[in-house]
């Protein structure tokens, strides 16, 4: 089991949200309930577009920051290139 996850959500308005967590299932439930983020609260429902396992929290925070710096096109390419 990975120590942490970086994830991208596709929001109801078509926007993308990037975050990190140590418990992906719990975090997705909180996003779905509208309690995880002010950004996603008003853009529900959200769906998981990508989940990347990370070795530790530090790696997850760094990868989250790297992905957040990407433009929308690059984020969509990242999602499209993921296996599965």
N, C-alpha and C. Protein backbone atom coordinates (compact mmCIF):
# COMPACT_ATOMS: atom_id res chain seq x y z
N UNK A 1 0.84 -1.19 0.00
CA UNK A 1 0.00 0.00 0.00
C UNK A 1 0.88 1.25 0.00
N UNK A 2 0.61 2.17 -0.91
CA UNK A 2 1.41 3.41 -0.95
C UNK A 2 1.26 4.22 0.34
N UNK A 3 2.30 4.95 0.68
CA UNK A 3 2.27 5.79 1.88
C UNK A 3 1.42 7.04 1.67
N UNK A 4 1.27 7.45 0.40
CA UNK A 4 0.51 8.67 0.09
C UNK A 4 0.06 8.60 -1.37
N UNK A 5 -0.85 9.49 -1.71
CA UNK A 5 -1.40 9.57 -3.06
C UNK A 5 -1.46 11.02 -3.52
N UNK A 6 -1.25 11.23 -4.80
CA UNK A 6 -1.57 12.50 -5.45
C UNK A 6 -2.72 12.17 -6.38
N UNK A 7 -3.74 13.02 -6.41
CA UNK A 7 -4.92 12.71 -7.21
C UNK A 7 -5.41 13.94 -7.94
N UNK A 8 -6.08 13.68 -9.05
CA UNK A 8 -6.76 14.73 -9.81
C UNK A 8 -8.22 14.38 -9.89
N UNK A 9 -9.06 15.36 -9.63
CA UNK A 9 -10.50 15.20 -9.74
C UNK A 9 -11.00 16.00 -10.92
N UNK A 10 -11.98 15.46 -11.61
CA UNK A 10 -12.69 16.20 -12.64
C UNK A 10 -13.99 16.69 -11.99
N UNK A 11 -14.15 17.99 -11.95
CA UNK A 11 -15.31 18.59 -11.28
C UNK A 11 -16.48 18.73 -12.26
N UNK A 12 -17.68 18.93 -11.72
CA UNK A 12 -18.89 19.04 -12.52
C UNK A 12 -18.81 20.17 -13.54
N UNK A 13 -18.07 21.23 -13.23
CA UNK A 13 -17.95 22.36 -14.17
C UNK A 13 -16.83 22.15 -15.19
N UNK A 14 -16.20 20.96 -15.18
CA UNK A 14 -15.14 20.65 -16.12
C UNK A 14 -13.75 21.01 -15.64
N UNK A 15 -13.65 21.68 -14.52
CA UNK A 15 -12.34 22.05 -14.00
C UNK A 15 -11.66 20.82 -13.38
N UNK A 16 -10.36 20.97 -13.13
CA UNK A 16 -9.57 19.90 -12.53
C UNK A 16 -9.05 20.37 -11.18
N UNK A 17 -9.09 19.47 -10.21
CA UNK A 17 -8.60 19.76 -8.87
C UNK A 17 -7.49 18.77 -8.56
N UNK A 18 -6.37 19.25 -8.03
CA UNK A 18 -5.25 18.40 -7.66
C UNK A 18 -5.06 18.46 -6.15
N UNK A 19 -4.84 17.30 -5.54
CA UNK A 19 -4.59 17.23 -4.11
C UNK A 19 -3.73 16.04 -3.77
N UNK A 20 -3.41 15.90 -2.49
CA UNK A 20 -2.66 14.74 -2.03
C UNK A 20 -3.28 14.28 -0.71
N UNK A 21 -3.07 13.01 -0.38
CA UNK A 21 -3.64 12.44 0.83
C UNK A 21 -2.90 11.17 1.20
N UNK A 22 -3.08 10.74 2.44
CA UNK A 22 -2.56 9.44 2.85
C UNK A 22 -3.66 8.38 2.82
N UNK A 23 -4.92 8.81 2.71
CA UNK A 23 -6.05 7.87 2.66
C UNK A 23 -6.97 8.29 1.52
N UNK A 24 -6.74 7.72 0.36
CA UNK A 24 -7.45 8.14 -0.84
C UNK A 24 -8.96 7.92 -0.73
N UNK A 25 -9.38 6.76 -0.27
CA UNK A 25 -10.81 6.48 -0.17
C UNK A 25 -11.53 7.47 0.74
N UNK A 26 -10.95 7.74 1.90
CA UNK A 26 -11.56 8.69 2.83
C UNK A 26 -11.61 10.09 2.24
N UNK A 27 -10.54 10.48 1.57
CA UNK A 27 -10.49 11.82 0.98
C UNK A 27 -11.54 11.97 -0.12
N UNK A 28 -11.70 10.94 -0.94
CA UNK A 28 -12.71 10.99 -2.00
C UNK A 28 -14.12 11.08 -1.41
N UNK A 29 -14.36 10.36 -0.33
CA UNK A 29 -15.67 10.46 0.34
C UNK A 29 -15.91 11.88 0.85
N UNK A 30 -14.88 12.50 1.41
CA UNK A 30 -15.02 13.87 1.91
C UNK A 30 -15.27 14.86 0.77
N UNK A 31 -14.59 14.67 -0.35
CA UNK A 31 -14.86 15.53 -1.51
C UNK A 31 -16.31 15.34 -1.96
N UNK A 32 -16.75 14.11 -2.01
CA UNK A 32 -18.13 13.82 -2.43
C UNK A 32 -19.16 14.44 -1.50
N UNK A 33 -18.83 14.49 -0.22
CA UNK A 33 -19.74 15.07 0.77
C UNK A 33 -19.65 16.59 0.84
N UNK A 34 -18.64 17.16 0.18
CA UNK A 34 -18.48 18.61 0.19
C UNK A 34 -17.73 19.14 1.39
N UNK A 35 -16.98 18.28 2.08
CA UNK A 35 -16.27 18.71 3.29
C UNK A 35 -14.76 18.72 3.15
N UNK A 36 -14.23 18.35 1.99
CA UNK A 36 -12.78 18.25 1.84
C UNK A 36 -12.14 19.55 1.39
N UNK A 37 -12.85 20.32 0.59
CA UNK A 37 -12.25 21.51 -0.03
C UNK A 37 -13.34 22.51 -0.39
N UNK A 38 -13.07 23.76 -0.14
CA UNK A 38 -14.02 24.80 -0.54
C UNK A 38 -14.15 24.84 -2.06
N UNK A 39 -13.06 24.54 -2.77
CA UNK A 39 -13.10 24.56 -4.23
C UNK A 39 -14.05 23.50 -4.76
N UNK A 40 -13.91 22.28 -4.29
CA UNK A 40 -14.74 21.19 -4.82
C UNK A 40 -16.16 21.21 -4.26
N UNK A 41 -16.36 21.84 -3.12
CA UNK A 41 -17.69 21.88 -2.51
C UNK A 41 -18.73 22.45 -3.47
N UNK A 42 -18.35 23.51 -4.18
CA UNK A 42 -19.30 24.17 -5.09
C UNK A 42 -19.24 23.61 -6.51
N UNK A 43 -18.44 22.57 -6.71
CA UNK A 43 -18.28 22.00 -8.05
C UNK A 43 -18.59 20.51 -8.09
N UNK A 44 -19.43 20.07 -7.17
CA UNK A 44 -19.81 18.65 -7.12
C UNK A 44 -20.90 18.38 -8.14
N UNK A 45 -20.99 17.14 -8.58
CA UNK A 45 -20.17 16.00 -8.15
C UNK A 45 -18.79 16.03 -8.80
N UNK A 46 -17.86 15.37 -8.13
CA UNK A 46 -16.50 15.23 -8.65
C UNK A 46 -16.24 13.75 -8.92
N UNK A 47 -15.34 13.50 -9.87
CA UNK A 47 -14.96 12.12 -10.13
C UNK A 47 -13.44 12.02 -10.19
N UNK A 48 -12.94 10.91 -9.73
CA UNK A 48 -11.50 10.68 -9.74
C UNK A 48 -11.03 10.50 -11.19
N UNK A 49 -10.08 11.34 -11.60
CA UNK A 49 -9.53 11.26 -12.96
C UNK A 49 -8.19 10.54 -12.96
N UNK A 50 -7.43 10.67 -11.85
CA UNK A 50 -6.10 10.08 -11.78
C UNK A 50 -5.69 9.95 -10.32
N UNK A 51 -5.08 8.84 -9.97
CA UNK A 51 -4.51 8.65 -8.64
C UNK A 51 -3.11 8.08 -8.81
N UNK A 52 -2.12 8.77 -8.27
CA UNK A 52 -0.73 8.36 -8.39
C UNK A 52 -0.19 7.96 -7.02
N UNK A 53 0.27 6.73 -6.86
CA UNK A 53 0.84 6.32 -5.58
C UNK A 53 2.19 6.98 -5.36
N UNK A 54 2.45 7.38 -4.14
CA UNK A 54 3.70 8.05 -3.78
C UNK A 54 4.37 7.30 -2.63
N UNK A 55 5.68 7.39 -2.59
CA UNK A 55 6.46 6.68 -1.58
C UNK A 55 6.26 7.26 -0.18
N UNK A 56 6.05 8.57 -0.10
CA UNK A 56 5.89 9.20 1.21
C UNK A 56 5.20 10.55 1.04
N UNK A 57 4.91 11.19 2.16
CA UNK A 57 4.19 12.47 2.15
C UNK A 57 4.97 13.58 1.44
N UNK A 58 6.27 13.58 1.64
CA UNK A 58 7.10 14.60 1.01
C UNK A 58 7.04 14.47 -0.51
N UNK A 59 7.16 13.26 -0.99
CA UNK A 59 7.06 13.03 -2.44
C UNK A 59 5.69 13.45 -2.96
N UNK A 60 4.65 13.17 -2.19
CA UNK A 60 3.29 13.53 -2.60
C UNK A 60 3.13 15.04 -2.68
N UNK A 61 3.63 15.76 -1.69
CA UNK A 61 3.52 17.22 -1.72
C UNK A 61 4.30 17.82 -2.89
N UNK A 62 5.46 17.27 -3.18
CA UNK A 62 6.24 17.77 -4.31
C UNK A 62 5.53 17.50 -5.63
N UNK A 63 4.99 16.29 -5.79
CA UNK A 63 4.30 15.95 -7.04
C UNK A 63 3.02 16.78 -7.18
N UNK A 64 2.32 17.00 -6.09
CA UNK A 64 1.13 17.86 -6.13
C UNK A 64 1.51 19.25 -6.62
N UNK A 65 2.57 19.82 -6.09
CA UNK A 65 3.01 21.16 -6.49
C UNK A 65 3.42 21.17 -7.96
N UNK A 66 4.10 20.13 -8.41
CA UNK A 66 4.51 20.05 -9.81
C UNK A 66 3.29 20.01 -10.73
N UNK A 67 2.30 19.20 -10.38
CA UNK A 67 1.11 19.08 -11.22
C UNK A 67 0.30 20.38 -11.19
N UNK A 68 0.18 21.00 -10.04
CA UNK A 68 -0.57 22.25 -9.95
C UNK A 68 0.04 23.34 -10.82
N UNK A 69 1.34 23.28 -11.05
CA UNK A 69 2.01 24.28 -11.89
C UNK A 69 1.78 24.04 -13.38
N UNK A 70 1.28 22.88 -13.75
CA UNK A 70 1.02 22.57 -15.15
C UNK A 70 -0.22 23.33 -15.65
N UNK A 71 -0.25 23.60 -16.95
CA UNK A 71 -1.47 24.17 -17.51
C UNK A 71 -2.50 23.06 -17.72
N UNK A 72 -3.71 23.45 -18.04
CA UNK A 72 -4.80 22.48 -18.19
C UNK A 72 -4.49 21.41 -19.23
N UNK A 73 -3.93 21.83 -20.36
CA UNK A 73 -3.61 20.88 -21.43
C UNK A 73 -2.66 19.80 -20.93
N UNK A 74 -1.63 20.21 -20.20
CA UNK A 74 -0.65 19.26 -19.66
C UNK A 74 -1.28 18.32 -18.63
N UNK A 75 -2.19 18.86 -17.83
CA UNK A 75 -2.90 18.00 -16.86
C UNK A 75 -3.75 16.97 -17.56
N UNK A 76 -4.44 17.38 -18.61
CA UNK A 76 -5.26 16.43 -19.38
C UNK A 76 -4.39 15.38 -20.06
N UNK A 77 -3.22 15.77 -20.54
CA UNK A 77 -2.29 14.81 -21.14
C UNK A 77 -1.79 13.82 -20.10
N UNK A 78 -1.54 14.30 -18.89
CA UNK A 78 -1.11 13.42 -17.80
C UNK A 78 -2.20 12.38 -17.50
N UNK A 79 -3.43 12.84 -17.44
CA UNK A 79 -4.56 11.92 -17.19
C UNK A 79 -4.67 10.90 -18.32
N UNK A 80 -4.58 11.38 -19.54
CA UNK A 80 -4.73 10.50 -20.70
C UNK A 80 -3.60 9.48 -20.82
N UNK A 81 -2.42 9.82 -20.35
CA UNK A 81 -1.27 8.93 -20.49
C UNK A 81 -1.18 7.91 -19.36
N UNK A 82 -2.00 8.04 -18.34
CA UNK A 82 -1.94 7.12 -17.21
C UNK A 82 -2.48 5.75 -17.61
N UNK A 83 -1.84 4.70 -17.16
CA UNK A 83 -2.36 3.36 -17.45
C UNK A 83 -3.70 3.12 -16.78
N UNK A 84 -4.49 2.29 -17.41
CA UNK A 84 -5.77 1.92 -16.80
C UNK A 84 -6.88 2.58 -17.45
